[in-house]
Structure formats: C-alpha cells, structure tokens
Full PDB file with SEQRES, HELIX, SHEET, SSBOND, CRYST1, ORIGX, SCALE, CONECT and MASTER records, all heavy atoms in Angstrom:
SEQRES   1 A   36  SER ILE ASN TRP ARG GLU PRO LEU HIS PHE ILE ARG TYR          
SEQRES   2 A   36  HIS TYR LEU LYS LEU PHE LYS MET MET ILE VAL GLY PHE          
SEQRES   3 A   36  VAL ALA PHE THR MET LEU ASP LEU ILE THR                      
HELIX    1 AA1 ARG A    5  LEU A   34  1                                  30    
CRYST1    1.000    1.000    1.000  90.00  90.00  90.00 P 1           1          
ORIGX1      1.000000  0.000000  0.000000        0.00000                         
ORIGX2      0.000000  1.000000  0.000000        0.00000                         
ORIGX3      0.000000  0.000000  1.000000        0.00000                         
SCALE1      1.000000  0.000000  0.000000        0.00000                         
SCALE2      0.000000  1.000000  0.000000        0.00000                         
SCALE3      0.000000  0.000000  1.000000        0.00000                         
ATOM      1  N   SER A   1     -25.382   8.906  10.990  1.00  0.00           N  
ATOM      2  CA  SER A   1     -25.096   8.603   9.600  1.00  0.00           C  
ATOM      3  C   SER A   1     -23.630   8.872   9.279  1.00  0.00           C  
ATOM      4  O   SER A   1     -22.950   9.631   9.952  1.00  0.00           O  
ATOM      5  CB  SER A   1     -25.975   9.447   8.684  1.00  0.00           C  
ATOM      6  OG  SER A   1     -25.721  10.823   8.908  1.00  0.00           O  
ATOM      7  N   ILE A   2     -23.166   8.215   8.199  1.00  0.00           N  
ATOM      8  CA  ILE A   2     -21.787   8.379   7.754  1.00  0.00           C  
ATOM      9  C   ILE A   2     -21.746   9.456   6.691  1.00  0.00           C  
ATOM     10  O   ILE A   2     -22.532   9.446   5.750  1.00  0.00           O  
ATOM     11  CB  ILE A   2     -21.251   7.057   7.186  1.00  0.00           C  
ATOM     12  CG1 ILE A   2     -21.303   5.978   8.267  1.00  0.00           C  
ATOM     13  CG2 ILE A   2     -19.845   7.212   6.666  1.00  0.00           C  
ATOM     14  CD1 ILE A   2     -20.895   4.615   7.778  1.00  0.00           C  
ATOM     15  N   ASN A   3     -20.816  10.375   6.800  1.00  0.00           N  
ATOM     16  CA  ASN A   3     -20.741  11.435   5.810  1.00  0.00           C  
ATOM     17  C   ASN A   3     -20.066  10.929   4.541  1.00  0.00           C  
ATOM     18  O   ASN A   3     -19.522   9.823   4.495  1.00  0.00           O  
ATOM     19  CB  ASN A   3     -20.006  12.655   6.383  1.00  0.00           C  
ATOM     20  CG  ASN A   3     -18.572  12.341   6.797  1.00  0.00           C  
ATOM     21  OD1 ASN A   3     -17.850  11.650   6.092  1.00  0.00           O  
ATOM     22  ND2 ASN A   3     -18.163  12.856   7.952  1.00  0.00           N  
ATOM     23  N   TRP A   4     -20.072  11.744   3.530  1.00  0.00           N  
ATOM     24  CA  TRP A   4     -19.576  11.336   2.214  1.00  0.00           C  
ATOM     25  C   TRP A   4     -18.084  11.078   2.202  1.00  0.00           C  
ATOM     26  O   TRP A   4     -17.564  10.415   1.313  1.00  0.00           O  
ATOM     27  CB  TRP A   4     -19.916  12.421   1.187  1.00  0.00           C  
ATOM     28  CG  TRP A   4     -19.246  13.746   1.458  1.00  0.00           C  
ATOM     29  CD1 TRP A   4     -19.723  14.759   2.221  1.00  0.00           C  
ATOM     30  CD2 TRP A   4     -17.970  14.176   0.969  1.00  0.00           C  
ATOM     31  NE1 TRP A   4     -18.823  15.809   2.245  1.00  0.00           N  
ATOM     32  CE2 TRP A   4     -17.737  15.479   1.476  1.00  0.00           C  
ATOM     33  CE3 TRP A   4     -17.001  13.599   0.141  1.00  0.00           C  
ATOM     34  CZ2 TRP A   4     -16.588  16.194   1.192  1.00  0.00           C  
ATOM     35  CZ3 TRP A   4     -15.850  14.324  -0.144  1.00  0.00           C  
ATOM     36  CH2 TRP A   4     -15.662  15.610   0.376  1.00  0.00           C  
ATOM     37  N   ARG A   5     -17.352  11.588   3.204  1.00  0.00           N  
ATOM     38  CA  ARG A   5     -15.910  11.375   3.238  1.00  0.00           C  
ATOM     39  C   ARG A   5     -15.538   9.966   3.698  1.00  0.00           C  
ATOM     40  O   ARG A   5     -14.429   9.505   3.451  1.00  0.00           O  
ATOM     41  CB  ARG A   5     -15.250  12.389   4.167  1.00  0.00           C  
ATOM     42  CG  ARG A   5     -15.342  13.837   3.709  1.00  0.00           C  
ATOM     43  CD  ARG A   5     -14.521  14.741   4.629  1.00  0.00           C  
ATOM     44  NE  ARG A   5     -14.615  16.133   4.244  1.00  0.00           N  
ATOM     45  CZ  ARG A   5     -15.534  16.974   4.712  1.00  0.00           C  
ATOM     46  NH1 ARG A   5     -16.447  16.522   5.574  1.00  0.00           N  
ATOM     47  NH2 ARG A   5     -15.562  18.236   4.322  1.00  0.00           N  
ATOM     48  N   GLU A   6     -16.446   9.295   4.374  1.00  0.00           N  
ATOM     49  CA  GLU A   6     -16.111   7.990   4.958  1.00  0.00           C  
ATOM     50  C   GLU A   6     -15.645   6.967   3.922  1.00  0.00           C  
ATOM     51  O   GLU A   6     -14.661   6.262   4.160  1.00  0.00           O  
ATOM     52  CB  GLU A   6     -17.315   7.446   5.743  1.00  0.00           C  
ATOM     53  CG  GLU A   6     -17.067   6.126   6.448  1.00  0.00           C  
ATOM     54  CD  GLU A   6     -15.963   6.205   7.487  1.00  0.00           C  
ATOM     55  OE1 GLU A   6     -15.696   7.306   8.011  1.00  0.00           O  
ATOM     56  OE2 GLU A   6     -15.359   5.161   7.758  1.00  0.00           O  
ATOM     57  N   PRO A   7     -16.298   6.840   2.745  1.00  0.00           N  
ATOM     58  CA  PRO A   7     -15.764   5.898   1.746  1.00  0.00           C  
ATOM     59  C   PRO A   7     -14.334   6.218   1.324  1.00  0.00           C  
ATOM     60  O   PRO A   7     -13.519   5.299   1.135  1.00  0.00           O  
ATOM     61  CB  PRO A   7     -16.745   6.045   0.573  1.00  0.00           C  
ATOM     62  CG  PRO A   7     -18.011   6.512   1.198  1.00  0.00           C  
ATOM     63  CD  PRO A   7     -17.582   7.405   2.319  1.00  0.00           C  
ATOM     64  N   LEU A   8     -14.015   7.505   1.182  1.00  0.00           N  
ATOM     65  CA  LEU A   8     -12.650   7.885   0.815  1.00  0.00           C  
ATOM     66  C   LEU A   8     -11.667   7.536   1.923  1.00  0.00           C  
ATOM     67  O   LEU A   8     -10.548   7.075   1.656  1.00  0.00           O  
ATOM     68  CB  LEU A   8     -12.582   9.377   0.498  1.00  0.00           C  
ATOM     69  CG  LEU A   8     -13.404   9.853  -0.707  1.00  0.00           C  
ATOM     70  CD1 LEU A   8     -13.267  11.357  -0.877  1.00  0.00           C  
ATOM     71  CD2 LEU A   8     -12.962   9.123  -1.972  1.00  0.00           C  
ATOM     72  N   HIS A   9     -12.070   7.752   3.159  1.00  0.00           N  
ATOM     73  CA  HIS A   9     -11.217   7.381   4.287  1.00  0.00           C  
ATOM     74  C   HIS A   9     -10.993   5.872   4.316  1.00  0.00           C  
ATOM     75  O   HIS A   9      -9.882   5.398   4.584  1.00  0.00           O  
ATOM     76  CB  HIS A   9     -11.844   7.834   5.598  1.00  0.00           C  
ATOM     77  CG  HIS A   9     -11.889   9.318   5.753  1.00  0.00           C  
ATOM     78  ND1 HIS A   9     -12.684   9.954   6.699  1.00  0.00           N  
ATOM     79  CD2 HIS A   9     -11.258  10.312   5.086  1.00  0.00           C  
ATOM     80  CE1 HIS A   9     -12.516  11.270   6.595  1.00  0.00           C  
ATOM     81  NE2 HIS A   9     -11.661  11.497   5.618  1.00  0.00           N  
ATOM     82  N   PHE A  10     -12.056   5.118   4.042  1.00  0.00           N  
ATOM     83  CA  PHE A  10     -11.967   3.657   4.021  1.00  0.00           C  
ATOM     84  C   PHE A  10     -10.966   3.192   2.968  1.00  0.00           C  
ATOM     85  O   PHE A  10     -10.082   2.365   3.239  1.00  0.00           O  
ATOM     86  CB  PHE A  10     -13.357   3.073   3.740  1.00  0.00           C  
ATOM     87  CG  PHE A  10     -13.399   1.574   3.632  1.00  0.00           C  
ATOM     88  CD1 PHE A  10     -13.694   0.789   4.730  1.00  0.00           C  
ATOM     89  CD2 PHE A  10     -13.150   0.940   2.418  1.00  0.00           C  
ATOM     90  CE1 PHE A  10     -13.737  -0.589   4.633  1.00  0.00           C  
ATOM     91  CE2 PHE A  10     -13.188  -0.438   2.303  1.00  0.00           C  
ATOM     92  CZ  PHE A  10     -13.484  -1.204   3.412  1.00  0.00           C  
ATOM     93  N   ILE A  11     -11.096   3.721   1.761  1.00  0.00           N  
ATOM     94  CA  ILE A  11     -10.213   3.322   0.659  1.00  0.00           C  
ATOM     95  C   ILE A  11      -8.778   3.729   0.952  1.00  0.00           C  
ATOM     96  O   ILE A  11      -7.830   2.961   0.720  1.00  0.00           O  
ATOM     97  CB  ILE A  11     -10.715   3.931  -0.662  1.00  0.00           C  
ATOM     98  CG1 ILE A  11     -12.092   3.345  -1.012  1.00  0.00           C  
ATOM     99  CG2 ILE A  11      -9.720   3.676  -1.785  1.00  0.00           C  
ATOM    100  CD1 ILE A  11     -12.796   4.078  -2.139  1.00  0.00           C  
ATOM    101  N   ARG A  12      -8.596   4.950   1.473  1.00  0.00           N  
ATOM    102  CA  ARG A  12      -7.249   5.420   1.796  1.00  0.00           C  
ATOM    103  C   ARG A  12      -6.613   4.533   2.868  1.00  0.00           C  
ATOM    104  O   ARG A  12      -5.428   4.168   2.765  1.00  0.00           O  
ATOM    105  CB  ARG A  12      -7.306   6.864   2.281  1.00  0.00           C  
ATOM    106  CG  ARG A  12      -5.958   7.437   2.723  1.00  0.00           C  
ATOM    107  CD  ARG A  12      -6.103   8.882   3.192  1.00  0.00           C  
ATOM    108  NE  ARG A  12      -4.838   9.415   3.651  1.00  0.00           N  
ATOM    109  CZ  ARG A  12      -4.369   9.289   4.897  1.00  0.00           C  
ATOM    110  NH1 ARG A  12      -5.096   8.635   5.808  1.00  0.00           N  
ATOM    111  NH2 ARG A  12      -3.208   9.803   5.227  1.00  0.00           N  
ATOM    112  N   TYR A  13      -7.368   4.191   3.881  1.00  0.00           N  
ATOM    113  CA  TYR A  13      -6.854   3.353   4.959  1.00  0.00           C  
ATOM    114  C   TYR A  13      -6.372   2.005   4.431  1.00  0.00           C  
ATOM    115  O   TYR A  13      -5.272   1.535   4.761  1.00  0.00           O  
ATOM    116  CB  TYR A  13      -7.939   3.153   6.017  1.00  0.00           C  
ATOM    117  CG  TYR A  13      -7.615   2.117   7.060  1.00  0.00           C  
ATOM    118  CD1 TYR A  13      -6.786   2.415   8.131  1.00  0.00           C  
ATOM    119  CD2 TYR A  13      -8.133   0.828   6.972  1.00  0.00           C  
ATOM    120  CE1 TYR A  13      -6.483   1.461   9.094  1.00  0.00           C  
ATOM    121  CE2 TYR A  13      -7.838  -0.133   7.921  1.00  0.00           C  
ATOM    122  CZ  TYR A  13      -7.012   0.187   8.982  1.00  0.00           C  
ATOM    123  OH  TYR A  13      -6.716  -0.764   9.920  1.00  0.00           O  
ATOM    124  N   HIS A  14      -7.180   1.380   3.582  1.00  0.00           N  
ATOM    125  CA  HIS A  14      -6.813   0.053   3.090  1.00  0.00           C  
ATOM    126  C   HIS A  14      -5.713   0.122   2.041  1.00  0.00           C  
ATOM    127  O   HIS A  14      -4.909  -0.813   1.928  1.00  0.00           O  
ATOM    128  CB  HIS A  14      -8.059  -0.666   2.564  1.00  0.00           C  
ATOM    129  CG  HIS A  14      -8.947  -1.162   3.659  1.00  0.00           C  
ATOM    130  ND1 HIS A  14      -8.675  -2.304   4.370  1.00  0.00           N  
ATOM    131  CD2 HIS A  14     -10.091  -0.654   4.187  1.00  0.00           C  
ATOM    132  CE1 HIS A  14      -9.615  -2.500   5.287  1.00  0.00           C  
ATOM    133  NE2 HIS A  14     -10.488  -1.509   5.194  1.00  0.00           N  
ATOM    134  N   TYR A  15      -5.673   1.201   1.281  1.00  0.00           N  
ATOM    135  CA  TYR A  15      -4.547   1.364   0.347  1.00  0.00           C  
ATOM    136  C   TYR A  15      -3.235   1.466   1.124  1.00  0.00           C  
ATOM    137  O   TYR A  15      -2.244   0.812   0.771  1.00  0.00           O  
ATOM    138  CB  TYR A  15      -4.734   2.610  -0.524  1.00  0.00           C  
ATOM    139  CG  TYR A  15      -3.473   2.987  -1.264  1.00  0.00           C  
ATOM    140  CD1 TYR A  15      -3.062   2.284  -2.386  1.00  0.00           C  
ATOM    141  CD2 TYR A  15      -2.657   4.033  -0.799  1.00  0.00           C  
ATOM    142  CE1 TYR A  15      -1.880   2.617  -3.049  1.00  0.00           C  
ATOM    143  CE2 TYR A  15      -1.481   4.371  -1.454  1.00  0.00           C  
ATOM    144  CZ  TYR A  15      -1.099   3.657  -2.577  1.00  0.00           C  
ATOM    145  OH  TYR A  15       0.076   3.980  -3.211  1.00  0.00           O  
ATOM    146  N   LEU A  16      -3.203   2.281   2.158  1.00  0.00           N  
ATOM    147  CA  LEU A  16      -1.984   2.433   2.950  1.00  0.00           C  
ATOM    148  C   LEU A  16      -1.598   1.135   3.642  1.00  0.00           C  
ATOM    149  O   LEU A  16      -0.406   0.814   3.763  1.00  0.00           O  
ATOM    150  CB  LEU A  16      -2.167   3.552   3.981  1.00  0.00           C  
ATOM    151  CG  LEU A  16      -2.265   4.970   3.402  1.00  0.00           C  
ATOM    152  CD1 LEU A  16      -2.550   5.976   4.517  1.00  0.00           C  
ATOM    153  CD2 LEU A  16      -0.989   5.346   2.656  1.00  0.00           C  
ATOM    154  N   LYS A  17      -2.594   0.385   4.081  1.00  0.00           N  
ATOM    155  CA  LYS A  17      -2.305  -0.907   4.709  1.00  0.00           C  
ATOM    156  C   LYS A  17      -1.623  -1.853   3.711  1.00  0.00           C  
ATOM    157  O   LYS A  17      -0.626  -2.503   4.034  1.00  0.00           O  
ATOM    158  CB  LYS A  17      -3.597  -1.533   5.229  1.00  0.00           C  
ATOM    159  CG  LYS A  17      -3.397  -2.853   5.966  1.00  0.00           C  
ATOM    160  CD  LYS A  17      -4.705  -3.390   6.516  1.00  0.00           C  
ATOM    161  CE  LYS A  17      -5.584  -3.906   5.396  1.00  0.00           C  
ATOM    162  NZ  LYS A  17      -6.786  -4.622   5.909  1.00  0.00           N  
ATOM    163  N   LEU A  18      -2.156  -1.909   2.484  1.00  0.00           N  
ATOM    164  CA  LEU A  18      -1.551  -2.738   1.446  1.00  0.00           C  
ATOM    165  C   LEU A  18      -0.170  -2.213   1.048  1.00  0.00           C  
ATOM    166  O   LEU A  18       0.767  -2.987   0.835  1.00  0.00           O  
ATOM    167  CB  LEU A  18      -2.462  -2.783   0.218  1.00  0.00           C  
ATOM    168  CG  LEU A  18      -3.797  -3.524   0.370  1.00  0.00           C  
ATOM    169  CD1 LEU A  18      -4.673  -3.278  -0.842  1.00  0.00           C  
ATOM    170  CD2 LEU A  18      -3.569  -5.021   0.570  1.00  0.00           C  
ATOM    171  N   PHE A  19      -0.051  -0.883   0.953  1.00  0.00           N  
ATOM    172  CA  PHE A  19       1.219  -0.277   0.537  1.00  0.00           C  
ATOM    173  C   PHE A  19       2.319  -0.583   1.542  1.00  0.00           C  
ATOM    174  O   PHE A  19       3.448  -0.939   1.160  1.00  0.00           O  
ATOM    175  CB  PHE A  19       1.047   1.229   0.379  1.00  0.00           C  
ATOM    176  CG  PHE A  19       2.279   1.928  -0.116  1.00  0.00           C  
ATOM    177  CD1 PHE A  19       2.565   1.985  -1.471  1.00  0.00           C  
ATOM    178  CD2 PHE A  19       3.157   2.533   0.773  1.00  0.00           C  
ATOM    179  CE1 PHE A  19       3.708   2.629  -1.933  1.00  0.00           C  
ATOM    180  CE2 PHE A  19       4.298   3.177   0.324  1.00  0.00           C  
ATOM    181  CZ  PHE A  19       4.574   3.220  -1.035  1.00  0.00           C  
ATOM    182  N   LYS A  20       2.028  -0.433   2.827  1.00  0.00           N  
ATOM    183  CA  LYS A  20       3.026  -0.714   3.862  1.00  0.00           C  
ATOM    184  C   LYS A  20       3.455  -2.177   3.838  1.00  0.00           C  
ATOM    185  O   LYS A  20       4.598  -2.507   4.154  1.00  0.00           O  
ATOM    186  CB  LYS A  20       2.466  -0.352   5.239  1.00  0.00           C  
ATOM    187  CG  LYS A  20       2.260   1.139   5.445  1.00  0.00           C  
ATOM    188  CD  LYS A  20       1.570   1.409   6.772  1.00  0.00           C  
ATOM    189  CE  LYS A  20       1.272   2.888   6.961  1.00  0.00           C  
ATOM    190  NZ  LYS A  20       0.539   3.163   8.222  1.00  0.00           N  
ATOM    191  N   MET A  21       2.520  -3.052   3.483  1.00  0.00           N  
ATOM    192  CA  MET A  21       2.841  -4.466   3.396  1.00  0.00           C  
ATOM    193  C   MET A  21       3.733  -4.761   2.188  1.00  0.00           C  
ATOM    194  O   MET A  21       4.660  -5.567   2.252  1.00  0.00           O  
ATOM    195  CB  MET A  21       1.536  -5.276   3.283  1.00  0.00           C  
ATOM    196  CG  MET A  21       1.723  -6.776   3.339  1.00  0.00           C  
ATOM    197  SD  MET A  21       0.191  -7.683   2.951  1.00  0.00           S  
ATOM    198  CE  MET A  21      -0.954  -6.897   4.078  1.00  0.00           C  
ATOM    199  N   MET A  22       3.459  -4.068   1.084  1.00  0.00           N  
ATOM    200  CA  MET A  22       4.110  -4.384  -0.176  1.00  0.00           C  
ATOM    201  C   MET A  22       5.461  -3.720  -0.378  1.00  0.00           C  
ATOM    202  O   MET A  22       6.376  -4.306  -0.967  1.00  0.00           O  
ATOM    203  CB  MET A  22       3.161  -3.994  -1.323  1.00  0.00           C  
ATOM    204  CG  MET A  22       3.706  -4.228  -2.722  1.00  0.00           C  
ATOM    205  SD  MET A  22       4.484  -2.745  -3.441  1.00  0.00           S  
ATOM    206  CE  MET A  22       3.062  -1.695  -3.653  1.00  0.00           C  
ATOM    207  N   ILE A  23       5.640  -2.495   0.097  1.00  0.00           N  
ATOM    208  CA  ILE A  23       6.755  -1.660  -0.343  1.00  0.00           C  
ATOM    209  C   ILE A  23       8.119  -2.241   0.032  1.00  0.00           C  
ATOM    210  O   ILE A  23       9.060  -2.216  -0.784  1.00  0.00           O  
ATOM    211  CB  ILE A  23       6.601  -0.213   0.208  1.00  0.00           C  
ATOM    212  CG1 ILE A  23       7.665   0.701  -0.397  1.00  0.00           C  
ATOM    213  CG2 ILE A  23       6.637  -0.197   1.719  1.00  0.00           C  
ATOM    214  CD1 ILE A  23       7.611   0.818  -1.895  1.00  0.00           C  
ATOM    215  N   VAL A  24       8.273  -2.785   1.233  1.00  0.00           N  
ATOM    216  CA  VAL A  24       9.573  -3.326   1.642  1.00  0.00           C  
ATOM    217  C   VAL A  24       9.949  -4.508   0.759  1.00  0.00           C  
ATOM    218  O   VAL A  24      11.084  -4.626   0.286  1.00  0.00           O  
ATOM    219  CB  VAL A  24       9.549  -3.727   3.127  1.00  0.00           C  
ATOM    220  CG1 VAL A  24      10.865  -4.400   3.515  1.00  0.00           C  
ATOM    221  CG2 VAL A  24       9.298  -2.512   4.006  1.00  0.00           C  
ATOM    222  N   GLY A  25       8.997  -5.392   0.520  1.00  0.00           N  
ATOM    223  CA  GLY A  25       9.261  -6.539  -0.331  1.00  0.00           C  
ATOM    224  C   GLY A  25       9.575  -6.131  -1.758  1.00  0.00           C  
ATOM    225  O   GLY A  25      10.459  -6.719  -2.405  1.00  0.00           O  
ATOM    226  N   PHE A  26       8.866  -5.130  -2.267  1.00  0.00           N  
ATOM    227  CA  PHE A  26       9.095  -4.678  -3.641  1.00  0.00           C  
ATOM    228  C   PHE A  26      10.495  -4.089  -3.795  1.00  0.00           C  
ATOM    229  O   PHE A  26      11.205  -4.385  -4.763  1.00  0.00           O  
ATOM    230  CB  PHE A  26       8.037  -3.650  -4.031  1.00  0.00           C  
ATOM    231  CG  PHE A  26       8.196  -3.098  -5.419  1.00  0.00           C  
ATOM    232  CD1 PHE A  26       8.049  -3.916  -6.522  1.00  0.00           C  
ATOM    233  CD2 PHE A  26       8.513  -1.758  -5.611  1.00  0.00           C  
ATOM    234  CE1 PHE A  26       8.202  -3.407  -7.811  1.00  0.00           C  
ATOM    235  CE2 PHE A  26       8.665  -1.241  -6.889  1.00  0.00           C  
ATOM    236  CZ  PHE A  26       8.516  -2.071  -7.989  1.00  0.00           C  
ATOM    237  N   VAL A  27      10.906  -3.260  -2.845  1.00  0.00           N  
ATOM    238  CA  VAL A  27      12.240  -2.659  -2.901  1.00  0.00           C  
ATOM    239  C   VAL A  27      13.317  -3.740  -2.832  1.00  0.00           C  
ATOM    240  O   VAL A  27      14.276  -3.742  -3.624  1.00  0.00           O  
ATOM    241  CB  VAL A  27      12.418  -1.636  -1.767  1.00  0.00           C  
ATOM    242  CG1 VAL A  27      13.867  -1.190  -1.673  1.00  0.00           C  
ATOM    243  CG2 VAL A  27      11.506  -0.434  -1.987  1.00  0.00           C  
ATOM    244  N   ALA A  28      13.163  -4.671  -1.901  1.00  0.00           N  
ATOM    245  CA  ALA A  28      14.159  -5.743  -1.761  1.00  0.00           C  
ATOM    246  C   ALA A  28      14.214  -6.599  -3.022  1.00  0.00           C  
ATOM    247  O   ALA A  28      15.299  -6.981  -3.482  1.00  0.00           O  
ATOM    248  CB  ALA A  28      13.825  -6.601  -0.544  1.00  0.00           C  
ATOM    249  N   PHE A  29      13.044  -6.887  -3.594  1.00  0.00           N  
ATOM    250  CA  PHE A  29      13.021  -7.733  -4.787  1.00  0.00           C  
ATOM    251  C   PHE A  29      13.674  -7.044  -5.975  1.00  0.00           C  
ATOM    252  O   PHE A  29      14.427  -7.678  -6.730  1.00  0.00           O  
ATOM    253  CB  PHE A  29      11.581  -8.123  -5.137  1.00  0.00           C  
ATOM    254  CG  PHE A  29      11.486  -8.961  -6.374  1.00  0.00           C  
ATOM    255  CD1 PHE A  29      11.636 -10.332  -6.307  1.00  0.00           C  
ATOM    256  CD2 PHE A  29      11.248  -8.386  -7.623  1.00  0.00           C  
ATOM    257  CE1 PHE A  29      11.567 -11.123  -7.450  1.00  0.00           C  
ATOM    258  CE2 PHE A  29      11.177  -9.154  -8.764  1.00  0.00           C  
ATOM    259  CZ  PHE A  29      11.337 -10.528  -8.684  1.00  0.00           C  
ATOM    260  N   THR A  30      13.382  -5.770  -6.180  1.00  0.00           N  
ATOM    261  CA  THR A  30      13.959  -5.072  -7.339  1.00  0.00           C  
ATOM    262  C   THR A  30      15.481  -5.021  -7.262  1.00  0.00           C  
ATOM    263  O   THR A  30      16.166  -5.150  -8.290  1.00  0.00           O  
ATOM    264  CB  THR A  30      13.397  -3.645  -7.445  1.00  0.00           C  
ATOM    265  OG1 THR A  30      13.579  -2.959  -6.193  1.00  0.00           O  
ATOM    266  CG2 THR A  30      11.921  -3.665  -7.789  1.00  0.00           C  
ATOM    267  N   MET A  31      16.035  -4.847  -6.069  1.00  0.00           N  
ATOM    268  CA  MET A  31      17.495  -4.825  -5.929  1.00  0.00           C  
ATOM    269  C   MET A  31      18.092  -6.202  -6.204  1.00  0.00           C  
ATOM    270  O   MET A  31      19.116  -6.322  -6.879  1.00  0.00           O  
ATOM    271  CB  MET A  31      17.869  -4.340  -4.529  1.00  0.00           C  
ATOM    272  CG  MET A  31      17.538  -2.867  -4.290  1.00  0.00           C  
ATOM    273  SD  MET A  31      18.222  -2.224  -2.747  1.00  0.00           S  
ATOM    274  CE  MET A  31      17.289  -3.163  -1.535  1.00  0.00           C  
ATOM    275  N   LEU A  32      17.431  -7.246  -5.682  1.00  0.00           N  
ATOM    276  CA  LEU A  32      17.906  -8.602  -5.954  1.00  0.00           C  
ATOM    277  C   LEU A  32      17.759  -8.937  -7.431  1.00  0.00           C  
ATOM    278  O   LEU A  32      18.660  -9.544  -8.043  1.00  0.00           O  
ATOM    279  CB  LEU A  32      17.113  -9.599  -5.106  1.00  0.00           C  
ATOM    280  CG  LEU A  32      17.373 -11.071  -5.407  1.00  0.00           C  
ATOM    281  CD1 LEU A  32      18.784 -11.462  -4.964  1.00  0.00           C  
ATOM    282  CD2 LEU A  32      16.338 -11.963  -4.727  1.00  0.00           C  
ATOM    283  N   ASP A  33      16.644  -8.539  -8.015  1.00  0.00           N  
ATOM    284  CA  ASP A  33      16.373  -8.847  -9.415  1.00  0.00           C  
ATOM    285  C   ASP A  33      17.422  -8.236 -10.331  1.00  0.00           C  
ATOM    286  O   ASP A  33      17.804  -8.829 -11.350  1.00  0.00           O  
ATOM    287  CB  ASP A  33      14.977  -8.334  -9.784  1.00  0.00           C  
ATOM    288  CG  ASP A  33      14.563  -8.729 -11.179  1.00  0.00           C  
ATOM    289  OD1 ASP A  33      14.497  -9.932 -11.468  1.00  0.00           O  
ATOM    290  OD2 ASP A  33      14.300  -7.819 -11.998  1.00  0.00           O  
ATOM    291  N   LEU A  34      17.909  -7.064  -9.968  1.00  0.00           N  
ATOM    292  CA  LEU A  34      18.875  -6.359 -10.796  1.00  0.00           C  
ATOM    293  C   LEU A  34      20.215  -7.087 -10.872  1.00  0.00           C  
ATOM    294  O   LEU A  34      20.922  -7.004 -11.885  1.00  0.00           O  
ATOM    295  CB  LEU A  34      19.081  -4.936 -10.264  1.00  0.00           C  
ATOM    296  CG  LEU A  34      19.945  -3.992 -11.106  1.00  0.00           C  
ATOM    297  CD1 LEU A  34      19.294  -3.759 -12.465  1.00  0.00           C  
ATOM    298  CD2 LEU A  34      20.157  -2.673 -10.377  1.00  0.00           C  
ATOM    299  N   ILE A  35      20.568  -7.812  -9.827  1.00  0.00           N  
ATOM    300  CA  ILE A  35      21.894  -8.452  -9.776  1.00  0.00           C  
ATOM    301  C   ILE A  35      21.835  -9.955 -10.014  1.00  0.00           C  
ATOM    302  O   ILE A  35      22.840 -10.651  -9.842  1.00  0.00           O  
ATOM    303  CB  ILE A  35      22.581  -8.168  -8.425  1.00  0.00           C  
ATOM    304  CG1 ILE A  35      21.751  -8.721  -7.262  1.00  0.00           C  
ATOM    305  CG2 ILE A  35      22.826  -6.686  -8.242  1.00  0.00           C  
ATOM    306  CD1 ILE A  35      22.415  -8.578  -5.905  1.00  0.00           C  
ATOM    307  N   THR A  36      20.674 -10.479 -10.393  1.00  0.00           N  
ATOM    308  CA  THR A  36      20.535 -11.904 -10.688  1.00  0.00           C  
ATOM    309  C   THR A  36      20.134 -12.087 -12.142  1.00  0.00           C  
ATOM    310  O   THR A  36      19.578 -11.171 -12.764  1.00  0.00           O  
ATOM    311  CB  THR A  36      19.484 -12.555  -9.765  1.00  0.00           C  
ATOM    312  OG1 THR A  36      18.264 -11.800  -9.817  1.00  0.00           O  
ATOM    313  CG2 THR A  36      19.978 -12.632  -8.339  1.00  0.00           C  
TER     314      THR A  36                                                      
MASTER        0    0    0    1    0    0    0    6  313    1    0    3          
END                                                                             
C-alpha cells in the first residue's frame, strides 16, 4: 500500500517539474518586457 505521504510527494514532484520548465522563460521574459 501507498502511505499518506505519497500524494504530497506526487504533487511536489510535478510542481518542481513545472517550475523548472517555467522559471528560465519567466526570468528571460520579464527582463525583455522591462526594456520593450
């Protein structure tokens, strides 16, 4: 059986996956946005 921590691990894993995908683009966009 899966313990109660598994859903939290699942959510954390997918949040970090999305964050790693998003953060570089967000930083680059905000710098470009500021000067355009």
